[in-house]
Amino acid sequence: MDGGYISHGSTAGNAVPHNCTIANATKIVGGDGSETIVRTWTGTGVAAGINLVETFRLEKGARQYSRNVAINNNSGSALTNVRMYVGGDVYFRGSDITYGNIDQLAGSVYCYRGLTDGIMTLRGTDLSKPNYYFSANYNTGKNQCRSGTNLTNTTSTGATVDTGYYLQWGDANGGANAISIANGGSYNIEMIESFSEPGALQIVPPGGRTAPPSALVAYTFTLKNVLPANVINITNLSVSSSSGWVCSVTPNTLTMNGNTSVPVTANVLVPSTATNGQSL
């Protein structure tokens, strides 16, 4: 991805990465091999007093990384109608020709080239779903972000050169999706970018969750049939826990037409003996 843009109020183009400097960046390698990178952008000019703190986390061996963006406002006045745009160009090995798609059910945009490659997906988390989407020509999407208007929920009409994807949080028209940040306040946005194995059937997992012992936790996964001509029939779908926790999935029988997405719910029972820091 190329990065992100932020606009607020009625003035388009107040994109912080175009009016800022990187104040600092640090990298932390955990004992488990995970990597955490924290990068701070400090606004200048029209963005003075606004900064972004980005936290990237990559688990060792994972095919995805998480990204948290904290928008901090110390500009001296409230920010109204804030919009955050994130995305960029997509390139598969040896080819810049890909398909672009939107999956509002999963809160994601994704690109793929064919059965020989997996898909690249950018999505919000369950608690931080985006409001607008774009997955078509990269430059067109970039210009929409820079304009400060809403993304147009556009997808590519076929395999095209320079396909990219973008997500937007907030709404340029205000309303129920509008984001406001008081002076001295902050707003957090969470997202995950993933790179899957090849195949027509793709699984988009939800974001991480925490729960106390004895809790029953529902995780919504999204199954994608990414190729338009394939019909996929699934019977006896099941889930399991690497820690041996009791879990189940509904539905367990599916018929998926081409280029469709279906949600499935995995229910996990946290044992009464679970301790802090355990994972399923």
C-alpha atoms as a PDB file:
ATOM      1  CA  MET A   1       0.000   0.000   0.000  1.00  0.00           C
ATOM      2  CA  ASP A   2       1.067   3.574  -0.633  1.00  0.00           C
ATOM      3  CA  GLY A   3      -0.325   5.094   2.543  1.00  0.00           C
ATOM      4  CA  GLY A   4      -3.292   7.136   3.668  1.00  0.00           C
ATOM      5  CA  TYR A   5      -5.013  10.498   3.462  1.00  0.00           C
ATOM      6  CA  ILE A   6      -7.080  12.438   5.941  1.00  0.00           C
ATOM      7  CA  SER A   7      -9.514  15.300   5.279  1.00  0.00           C
ATOM      8  CA  HIS A   8     -11.927  17.172   7.517  1.00  0.00           C
ATOM      9  CA  GLY A   9     -14.696  19.782   7.354  1.00  0.00           C
ATOM     10  CA  SER A  10     -15.660  21.164   3.979  1.00  0.00           C
ATOM     11  CA  THR A  11     -12.099  21.776   2.807  1.00  0.00           C
ATOM     12  CA  ALA A  12     -10.960  19.003   0.489  1.00  0.00           C
ATOM     13  CA  GLY A  13      -7.298  18.182   0.223  1.00  0.00           C
ATOM     14  CA  ASN A  14      -6.309  18.530   3.887  1.00  0.00           C
ATOM     15  CA  ALA A  15      -4.442  15.269   3.461  1.00  0.00           C
ATOM     16  CA  VAL A  16      -2.079  14.910   6.404  1.00  0.00           C
ATOM     17  CA  PRO A  17       0.589  12.843   4.554  1.00  0.00           C
ATOM     18  CA  HIS A  18       0.902  15.766   2.113  1.00  0.00           C
ATOM     19  CA  ASN A  19       1.389  18.299   4.914  1.00  0.00           C
ATOM     20  CA  CYS A  20       3.455  16.470   7.503  1.00  0.00           C
ATOM     21  CA  THR A  21       6.754  14.967   8.500  1.00  0.00           C
ATOM     22  CA  ILE A  22       7.591  11.654  10.142  1.00  0.00           C
ATOM     23  CA  ALA A  23       8.385  12.558  13.744  1.00  0.00           C
ATOM     24  CA  ASN A  24       9.680   9.116  14.642  1.00  0.00           C
ATOM     25  CA  ALA A  25       9.521   5.438  13.744  1.00  0.00           C
ATOM     26  CA  THR A  26      10.472   2.493  15.924  1.00  0.00           C
ATOM     27  CA  LYS A  27      10.610  -1.257  15.388  1.00  0.00           C
ATOM     28  CA  ILE A  28      10.193  -3.848  18.129  1.00  0.00           C
ATOM     29  CA  VAL A  29      10.917  -7.558  17.611  1.00  0.00           C
ATOM     30  CA  GLY A  30       9.207  -9.791  20.153  1.00  0.00           C
ATOM     31  CA  GLY A  31      10.565 -12.962  21.667  1.00  0.00           C
ATOM     32  CA  ASP A  32       8.073 -14.934  19.546  1.00  0.00           C
ATOM     33  CA  GLY A  33       9.469 -13.418  16.346  1.00  0.00           C
ATOM     34  CA  SER A  34       6.598 -10.956  15.894  1.00  0.00           C
ATOM     35  CA  GLU A  35       7.393  -7.454  14.666  1.00  0.00           C
ATOM     36  CA  THR A  36       5.745  -4.204  15.719  1.00  0.00           C
ATOM     37  CA  ILE A  37       6.444  -0.914  13.959  1.00  0.00           C
ATOM     38  CA  VAL A  38       5.181   2.396  15.347  1.00  0.00           C
ATOM     39  CA  ARG A  39       5.311   5.436  13.059  1.00  0.00           C
ATOM     40  CA  THR A  40       4.194   8.963  13.976  1.00  0.00           C
ATOM     41  CA  TRP A  41       3.234  11.628  11.424  1.00  0.00           C
ATOM     42  CA  THR A  42       3.139  15.244  12.619  1.00  0.00           C
ATOM     43  CA  GLY A  43       0.939  17.680  10.706  1.00  0.00           C
ATOM     44  CA  THR A  44       2.111  21.029   9.368  1.00  0.00           C
ATOM     45  CA  GLY A  45       0.359  23.950   7.684  1.00  0.00           C
ATOM     46  CA  VAL A  46      -3.410  23.392   7.605  1.00  0.00           C
ATOM     47  CA  ALA A  47      -2.828  20.152   9.499  1.00  0.00           C
ATOM     48  CA  ALA A  48      -0.816  21.720  12.353  1.00  0.00           C
ATOM     49  CA  GLY A  49      -1.662  20.124  15.681  1.00  0.00           C
ATOM     50  CA  ILE A  50      -2.976  16.927  14.058  1.00  0.00           C
ATOM     51  CA  ASN A  51      -0.907  13.786  14.098  1.00  0.00           C
ATOM     52  CA  LEU A  52      -1.313  10.149  13.131  1.00  0.00           C
ATOM     53  CA  VAL A  53       0.198   7.304  15.122  1.00  0.00           C
ATOM     54  CA  GLU A  54       0.324   4.118  13.050  1.00  0.00           C
ATOM     55  CA  THR A  55       1.011   0.764  14.685  1.00  0.00           C
ATOM     56  CA  PHE A  56       1.784  -2.168  12.390  1.00  0.00           C
ATOM     57  CA  ARG A  57       1.999  -5.705  13.784  1.00  0.00           C
ATOM     58  CA  LEU A  58       3.148  -8.816  11.926  1.00  0.00           C
ATOM     59  CA  GLU A  59       3.055 -12.223  13.600  1.00  0.00           C
ATOM     60  CA  LYS A  60       5.898 -14.560  12.669  1.00  0.00           C
ATOM     61  CA  GLY A  61       4.859 -16.734   9.745  1.00  0.00           C
ATOM     62  CA  ALA A  62       1.532 -14.939   9.242  1.00  0.00           C
ATOM     63  CA  ARG A  63       0.159 -13.970   5.842  1.00  0.00           C
ATOM     64  CA  GLN A  64      -1.361 -10.767   7.180  1.00  0.00           C
ATOM     65  CA  TYR A  65      -0.505  -7.740   9.266  1.00  0.00           C
ATOM     66  CA  SER A  66      -2.679  -5.460  11.358  1.00  0.00           C
ATOM     67  CA  ARG A  67      -2.585  -1.684  11.255  1.00  0.00           C
ATOM     68  CA  ASN A  68      -4.034   0.671  13.844  1.00  0.00           C
ATOM     69  CA  VAL A  69      -4.225   4.392  13.075  1.00  0.00           C
ATOM     70  CA  ALA A  70      -4.846   6.830  15.919  1.00  0.00           C
ATOM     71  CA  ILE A  71      -5.844  10.313  14.725  1.00  0.00           C
ATOM     72  CA  ASN A  72      -4.936  12.773  17.498  1.00  0.00           C
ATOM     73  CA  ASN A  73      -6.290  16.306  17.461  1.00  0.00           C
ATOM     74  CA  ASN A  74      -4.413  19.064  19.298  1.00  0.00           C
ATOM     75  CA  SER A  75      -5.132  21.763  16.721  1.00  0.00           C
ATOM     76  CA  GLY A  76      -6.952  24.041  19.165  1.00  0.00           C
ATOM     77  CA  SER A  77     -10.439  23.336  17.820  1.00  0.00           C
ATOM     78  CA  ALA A  78     -12.716  20.398  17.116  1.00  0.00           C
ATOM     79  CA  LEU A  79     -12.424  18.515  13.843  1.00  0.00           C
ATOM     80  CA  THR A  80     -15.747  17.764  12.185  1.00  0.00           C
ATOM     81  CA  ASN A  81     -16.607  15.455   9.325  1.00  0.00           C
ATOM     82  CA  VAL A  82     -13.240  13.665   9.390  1.00  0.00           C
ATOM     83  CA  ARG A  83     -12.501  11.168   6.602  1.00  0.00           C
ATOM     84  CA  MET A  84      -9.661   8.640   6.606  1.00  0.00           C
ATOM     85  CA  TYR A  85      -8.593   6.984   3.346  1.00  0.00           C
ATOM     86  CA  VAL A  86      -6.172   4.051   3.166  1.00  0.00           C
ATOM     87  CA  GLY A  87      -4.981   2.013   0.189  1.00  0.00           C
ATOM     88  CA  GLY A  88      -2.739   2.013  -2.840  1.00  0.00           C
ATOM     89  CA  ASP A  89      -1.522   0.107  -5.889  1.00  0.00           C
ATOM     90  CA  VAL A  90      -1.581  -3.702  -6.140  1.00  0.00           C
ATOM     91  CA  TYR A  91       0.980  -5.805  -7.996  1.00  0.00           C
ATOM     92  CA  PHE A  92       1.117  -9.588  -8.398  1.00  0.00           C
ATOM     93  CA  ARG A  93       4.317 -11.427  -9.269  1.00  0.00           C
ATOM     94  CA  GLY A  94       5.287 -10.578 -12.823  1.00  0.00           C
ATOM     95  CA  SER A  95       1.997  -8.873 -13.699  1.00  0.00           C
ATOM     96  CA  ASP A  96       0.285  -5.533 -13.084  1.00  0.00           C
ATOM     97  CA  ILE A  97      -3.031  -6.756 -14.568  1.00  0.00           C
ATOM     98  CA  THR A  98      -5.576  -7.781 -11.916  1.00  0.00           C
ATOM     99  CA  TYR A  99      -9.280  -7.843 -11.031  1.00  0.00           C
ATOM    100  CA  GLY A 100     -10.626  -5.490  -8.369  1.00  0.00           C
ATOM    101  CA  ASN A 101     -13.600  -6.310  -6.127  1.00  0.00           C
ATOM    102  CA  ILE A 102     -15.521  -4.948  -3.148  1.00  0.00           C
ATOM    103  CA  ASP A 103     -17.082  -6.979  -0.334  1.00  0.00           C
ATOM    104  CA  GLN A 104     -19.080  -4.674   1.910  1.00  0.00           C
ATOM    105  CA  LEU A 105     -20.290  -7.667   3.933  1.00  0.00           C
ATOM    106  CA  ALA A 106     -16.723  -8.274   5.080  1.00  0.00           C
ATOM    107  CA  GLY A 107     -15.828  -4.568   5.045  1.00  0.00           C
ATOM    108  CA  SER A 108     -13.110  -5.244   2.485  1.00  0.00           C
ATOM    109  CA  VAL A 109     -11.648  -4.593  -0.926  1.00  0.00           C
ATOM    110  CA  TYR A 110      -9.588  -7.249  -2.677  1.00  0.00           C
ATOM    111  CA  CYS A 111      -7.675  -7.950  -5.873  1.00  0.00           C
ATOM    112  CA  TYR A 112      -6.831 -11.226  -7.597  1.00  0.00           C
ATOM    113  CA  ARG A 113      -5.282 -12.408 -10.844  1.00  0.00           C
ATOM    114  CA  GLY A 114      -6.406 -16.027 -11.201  1.00  0.00           C
ATOM    115  CA  LEU A 115      -6.198 -19.524  -9.765  1.00  0.00           C
ATOM    116  CA  THR A 116      -2.395 -19.480  -9.787  1.00  0.00           C
ATOM    117  CA  ASP A 117      -2.361 -16.679  -7.204  1.00  0.00           C
ATOM    118  CA  GLY A 118      -4.209 -15.918  -4.012  1.00  0.00           C
ATOM    119  CA  ILE A 119      -5.900 -12.632  -3.265  1.00  0.00           C
ATOM    120  CA  MET A 120      -4.711  -9.426  -1.633  1.00  0.00           C
ATOM    121  CA  THR A 121      -7.312  -8.076   0.781  1.00  0.00           C
ATOM    122  CA  LEU A 122      -7.588  -4.860   2.769  1.00  0.00           C
ATOM    123  CA  ARG A 123     -10.385  -4.798   5.331  1.00  0.00           C
ATOM    124  CA  GLY A 124     -11.590  -3.090   8.450  1.00  0.00           C
ATOM    125  CA  THR A 125     -12.121  -5.069  11.628  1.00  0.00           C
ATOM    126  CA  ASP A 126     -15.471  -6.060  13.149  1.00  0.00           C
ATOM    127  CA  LEU A 127     -15.300  -2.965  15.373  1.00  0.00           C
ATOM    128  CA  SER A 128     -13.967  -0.612  12.691  1.00  0.00           C
ATOM    129  CA  LYS A 129     -15.774  -1.215   9.402  1.00  0.00           C
ATOM    130  CA  PRO A 130     -15.215   1.306   6.601  1.00  0.00           C
ATOM    131  CA  ASN A 131     -18.002   3.305   5.004  1.00  0.00           C
ATOM    132  CA  TYR A 132     -16.890   3.585   1.363  1.00  0.00           C
ATOM    133  CA  TYR A 133     -14.840   1.449  -1.009  1.00  0.00           C
ATOM    134  CA  PHE A 134     -12.888   1.530  -4.274  1.00  0.00           C
ATOM    135  CA  SER A 135     -11.138  -1.268  -6.183  1.00  0.00           C
ATOM    136  CA  ALA A 136     -10.352  -0.307  -9.758  1.00  0.00           C
ATOM    137  CA  ASN A 137      -7.760   1.940 -11.449  1.00  0.00           C
ATOM    138  CA  TYR A 138      -5.179   2.968  -8.872  1.00  0.00           C
ATOM    139  CA  ASN A 139      -4.778   6.575 -10.049  1.00  0.00           C
ATOM    140  CA  THR A 140      -8.545   7.143 -10.131  1.00  0.00           C
ATOM    141  CA  GLY A 141      -8.836   5.914  -6.550  1.00  0.00           C
ATOM    142  CA  LYS A 142      -5.878   8.024  -5.439  1.00  0.00           C
ATOM    143  CA  ASN A 143      -7.442  11.147  -6.936  1.00  0.00           C
ATOM    144  CA  GLN A 144     -10.743  10.429  -5.177  1.00  0.00           C
ATOM    145  CA  CYS A 145      -8.878  10.215  -1.865  1.00  0.00           C
ATOM    146  CA  ARG A 146      -6.989  13.437  -2.487  1.00  0.00           C
ATOM    147  CA  SER A 147     -10.204  15.264  -3.395  1.00  0.00           C
ATOM    148  CA  GLY A 148     -11.663  14.627   0.081  1.00  0.00           C
ATOM    149  CA  THR A 149     -14.951  13.404  -1.403  1.00  0.00           C
ATOM    150  CA  ASN A 150     -16.481   9.981  -0.829  1.00  0.00           C
ATOM    151  CA  LEU A 151     -15.085   6.967  -2.636  1.00  0.00           C
ATOM    152  CA  THR A 152     -17.488   5.782  -5.333  1.00  0.00           C
ATOM    153  CA  ASN A 153     -17.774   2.059  -4.437  1.00  0.00           C
ATOM    154  CA  THR A 154     -16.349   1.261  -7.880  1.00  0.00           C
ATOM    155  CA  THR A 155     -14.960  -2.105  -9.015  1.00  0.00           C
ATOM    156  CA  SER A 156     -13.010  -2.958 -12.152  1.00  0.00           C
ATOM    157  CA  THR A 157     -15.023  -4.248 -15.112  1.00  0.00           C
ATOM    158  CA  GLY A 158     -12.380  -6.891 -15.876  1.00  0.00           C
ATOM    159  CA  ALA A 159      -8.696  -7.581 -15.550  1.00  0.00           C
ATOM    160  CA  THR A 160      -7.079  -4.146 -15.875  1.00  0.00           C
ATOM    161  CA  VAL A 161      -3.646  -2.560 -15.632  1.00  0.00           C
ATOM    162  CA  ASP A 162      -2.785  -0.598 -12.469  1.00  0.00           C
ATOM    163  CA  THR A 163      -5.645  -1.901 -10.349  1.00  0.00           C
ATOM    164  CA  GLY A 164      -5.532  -0.746  -6.745  1.00  0.00           C
ATOM    165  CA  TYR A 165      -7.797  -0.591  -3.727  1.00  0.00           C
ATOM    166  CA  TYR A 166      -8.866   1.932  -1.087  1.00  0.00           C
ATOM    167  CA  LEU A 167     -11.086   2.096   1.991  1.00  0.00           C
ATOM    168  CA  GLN A 168     -12.679   5.164   3.558  1.00  0.00           C
ATOM    169  CA  TRP A 169     -13.853   5.765   7.112  1.00  0.00           C
ATOM    170  CA  GLY A 170     -16.234   8.679   7.676  1.00  0.00           C
ATOM    171  CA  ASP A 171     -18.565  10.473   5.262  1.00  0.00           C
ATOM    172  CA  ALA A 172     -17.970  13.687   3.325  1.00  0.00           C
ATOM    173  CA  ASN A 173     -21.731  14.300   3.415  1.00  0.00           C
ATOM    174  CA  GLY A 174     -21.964  14.042   7.190  1.00  0.00           C
ATOM    175  CA  GLY A 175     -24.867  12.094   8.643  1.00  0.00           C
ATOM    176  CA  ALA A 176     -24.744   8.922  10.728  1.00  0.00           C
ATOM    177  CA  ASN A 177     -21.252   7.947   9.524  1.00  0.00           C
ATOM    178  CA  ALA A 178     -19.645  11.320  10.256  1.00  0.00           C
ATOM    179  CA  ILE A 179     -16.552  11.332  12.480  1.00  0.00           C
ATOM    180  CA  SER A 180     -15.818  14.235  14.830  1.00  0.00           C
ATOM    181  CA  ILE A 181     -12.761  14.609  17.062  1.00  0.00           C
ATOM    182  CA  ALA A 182     -12.777  17.129  19.901  1.00  0.00           C
ATOM    183  CA  ASN A 183      -9.691  19.212  20.597  1.00  0.00           C
ATOM    184  CA  GLY A 184      -7.469  17.029  22.762  1.00  0.00           C
ATOM    185  CA  GLY A 185      -9.297  13.908  21.586  1.00  0.00           C
ATOM    186  CA  SER A 186      -8.454  11.010  19.287  1.00  0.00           C
ATOM    187  CA  TYR A 187     -10.124   8.493  16.991  1.00  0.00           C
ATOM    188  CA  ASN A 188      -8.876   4.966  16.262  1.00  0.00           C
ATOM    189  CA  ILE A 189      -9.211   3.016  13.024  1.00  0.00           C
ATOM    190  CA  GLU A 190      -8.223  -0.634  12.664  1.00  0.00           C
ATOM    191  CA  MET A 191      -7.528  -2.596   9.506  1.00  0.00           C
ATOM    192  CA  ILE A 192      -5.872  -5.794   8.286  1.00  0.00           C
ATOM    193  CA  GLU A 193      -4.105  -6.477   4.994  1.00  0.00           C
ATOM    194  CA  SER A 194      -3.676 -10.123   4.024  1.00  0.00           C
ATOM    195  CA  PHE A 195      -2.128 -12.237   1.273  1.00  0.00           C
ATOM    196  CA  SER A 196      -3.709 -15.648   0.771  1.00  0.00           C
ATOM    197  CA  GLU A 197      -2.752 -18.959  -0.798  1.00  0.00           C
ATOM    198  CA  PRO A 198      -3.950 -19.609  -4.392  1.00  0.00           C
ATOM    199  CA  GLY A 199      -7.468 -20.958  -4.950  1.00  0.00           C
ATOM    200  CA  ALA A 200     -10.991 -19.996  -5.960  1.00  0.00           C
ATOM    201  CA  LEU A 201     -12.306 -20.362  -2.398  1.00  0.00           C
ATOM    202  CA  GLN A 202     -10.916 -17.759  -0.041  1.00  0.00           C
ATOM    203  CA  ILE A 203     -11.522 -17.262   3.685  1.00  0.00           C
ATOM    204  CA  VAL A 204     -11.442 -13.805   5.258  1.00  0.00           C
ATOM    205  CA  PRO A 205     -11.088 -14.091   9.046  1.00  0.00           C
ATOM    206  CA  PRO A 206     -12.449 -11.521  11.508  1.00  0.00           C
ATOM    207  CA  GLY A 207     -10.335  -9.286  13.660  1.00  0.00           C
ATOM    208  CA  GLY A 208      -9.003 -10.400  17.031  1.00  0.00           C
ATOM    209  CA  ARG A 209     -11.270 -10.525  20.066  1.00  0.00           C
ATOM    210  CA  THR A 210     -10.815 -10.801  23.819  1.00  0.00           C
ATOM    211  CA  ALA A 211     -13.202 -12.513  26.214  1.00  0.00           C
ATOM    212  CA  PRO A 212     -13.299 -13.705  29.848  1.00  0.00           C
ATOM    213  CA  PRO A 213     -13.325 -17.362  30.916  1.00  0.00           C
ATOM    214  CA  SER A 214     -16.612 -19.250  30.253  1.00  0.00           C
ATOM    215  CA  ALA A 215     -17.672 -16.749  27.571  1.00  0.00           C
ATOM    216  CA  LEU A 216     -19.224 -17.905  24.288  1.00  0.00           C
ATOM    217  CA  VAL A 217     -17.661 -15.834  21.507  1.00  0.00           C
ATOM    218  CA  ALA A 218     -19.035 -15.603  17.952  1.00  0.00           C
ATOM    219  CA  TYR A 219     -16.571 -14.963  15.119  1.00  0.00           C
ATOM    220  CA  THR A 220     -17.918 -14.111  11.665  1.00  0.00           C
ATOM    221  CA  PHE A 221     -15.772 -15.410   8.823  1.00  0.00           C
ATOM    222  CA  THR A 222     -16.452 -14.570   5.182  1.00  0.00           C
ATOM    223  CA  LEU A 223     -16.061 -17.245   2.507  1.00  0.00           C
ATOM    224  CA  LYS A 224     -15.396 -15.839  -0.976  1.00  0.00           C
ATOM    225  CA  ASN A 225     -15.728 -17.524  -4.336  1.00  0.00           C
ATOM    226  CA  VAL A 226     -13.519 -15.094  -6.240  1.00  0.00           C
ATOM    227  CA  LEU A 227     -13.840 -16.473  -9.771  1.00  0.00           C
ATOM    228  CA  PRO A 228     -16.977 -15.549 -11.731  1.00  0.00           C
ATOM    229  CA  ALA A 229     -17.575 -18.900 -13.502  1.00  0.00           C
ATOM    230  CA  ASN A 230     -17.067 -21.310 -10.578  1.00  0.00           C
ATOM    231  CA  VAL A 231     -19.838 -22.847  -8.460  1.00  0.00           C
ATOM    232  CA  ILE A 232     -18.527 -24.240  -5.177  1.00  0.00           C
ATOM    233  CA  ASN A 233     -20.498 -26.710  -3.045  1.00  0.00           C
ATOM    234  CA  ILE A 234     -19.421 -27.153   0.581  1.00  0.00           C
ATOM    235  CA  THR A 235     -20.696 -29.919   2.839  1.00  0.00           C
ATOM    236  CA  ASN A 236     -19.808 -30.727   6.436  1.00  0.00           C
ATOM    237  CA  LEU A 237     -17.929 -27.489   7.026  1.00  0.00           C
ATOM    238  CA  SER A 238     -16.203 -27.622  10.404  1.00  0.00           C
ATOM    239  CA  VAL A 239     -13.904 -25.571  12.616  1.00  0.00           C
ATOM    240  CA  SER A 240     -11.405 -26.555  15.258  1.00  0.00           C
ATOM    241  CA  SER A 241      -9.306 -24.904  17.947  1.00  0.00           C
ATOM    242  CA  SER A 242      -5.561 -25.421  18.204  1.00  0.00           C
ATOM    243  CA  SER A 243      -6.003 -25.219  21.980  1.00  0.00           C
ATOM    244  CA  GLY A 244      -8.758 -27.839  22.022  1.00  0.00           C
ATOM    245  CA  TRP A 245     -11.535 -25.398  22.953  1.00  0.00           C
ATOM    246  CA  VAL A 246     -15.134 -26.368  22.109  1.00  0.00           C
ATOM    247  CA  CYS A 247     -16.330 -24.706  18.909  1.00  0.00           C
ATOM    248  CA  SER A 248     -18.944 -25.082  16.184  1.00  0.00           C
ATOM    249  CA  VAL A 249     -19.861 -23.397  12.887  1.00  0.00           C
ATOM    250  CA  THR A 250     -23.104 -22.410  11.169  1.00  0.00           C
ATOM    251  CA  PRO A 251     -24.101 -22.980   8.449  1.00  0.00           C
ATOM    252  CA  ASN A 252     -22.091 -26.099   7.606  1.00  0.00           C
ATOM    253  CA  THR A 253     -23.515 -26.665   4.102  1.00  0.00           C
ATOM    254  CA  LEU A 254     -23.158 -24.005   1.394  1.00  0.00           C
ATOM    255  CA  THR A 255     -23.594 -23.509  -2.345  1.00  0.00           C
ATOM    256  CA  MET A 256     -21.645 -20.533  -3.648  1.00  0.00           C
ATOM    257  CA  ASN A 257     -22.083 -19.089  -7.131  1.00  0.00           C
ATOM    258  CA  GLY A 258     -19.249 -17.286  -8.828  1.00  0.00           C
ATOM    259  CA  ASN A 259     -18.025 -13.987  -7.380  1.00  0.00           C
ATOM    260  CA  THR A 260     -20.127 -14.247  -4.196  1.00  0.00           C
ATOM    261  CA  SER A 261     -19.453 -14.050  -0.484  1.00  0.00           C
ATOM    262  CA  VAL A 262     -21.184 -15.883   2.361  1.00  0.00           C
ATOM    263  CA  PRO A 263     -20.794 -15.262   6.118  1.00  0.00           C
ATOM    264  CA  VAL A 264     -20.293 -18.199   8.460  1.00  0.00           C
ATOM    265  CA  THR A 265     -20.248 -17.959  12.236  1.00  0.00           C
ATOM    266  CA  ALA A 266     -17.780 -19.856  14.398  1.00  0.00           C
ATOM    267  CA  ASN A 267     -18.878 -20.081  18.036  1.00  0.00           C
ATOM    268  CA  VAL A 268     -16.053 -20.637  20.531  1.00  0.00           C
ATOM    269  CA  LEU A 269     -16.532 -21.490  24.191  1.00  0.00           C
ATOM    270  CA  VAL A 270     -13.722 -20.069  26.327  1.00  0.00           C
ATOM    271  CA  PRO A 271     -12.892 -22.611  29.048  1.00  0.00           C
ATOM    272  CA  SER A 272     -13.481 -21.634  32.665  1.00  0.00           C
ATOM    273  CA  THR A 273      -9.799 -22.470  33.264  1.00  0.00           C
ATOM    274  CA  ALA A 274      -8.484 -20.121  30.557  1.00  0.00           C
ATOM    275  CA  THR A 275      -5.792 -17.695  31.680  1.00  0.00           C
ATOM    276  CA  ASN A 276      -4.856 -14.211  30.532  1.00  0.00           C
ATOM    277  CA  GLY A 277      -2.965 -14.217  27.230  1.00  0.00           C
ATOM    278  CA  GLN A 278      -4.221 -17.620  26.018  1.00  0.00           C
ATOM    279  CA  SER A 279      -5.456 -17.880  22.434  1.00  0.00           C
ATOM    280  CA  LEU A 280      -7.743 -20.371  20.751  1.00  0.00           C
END
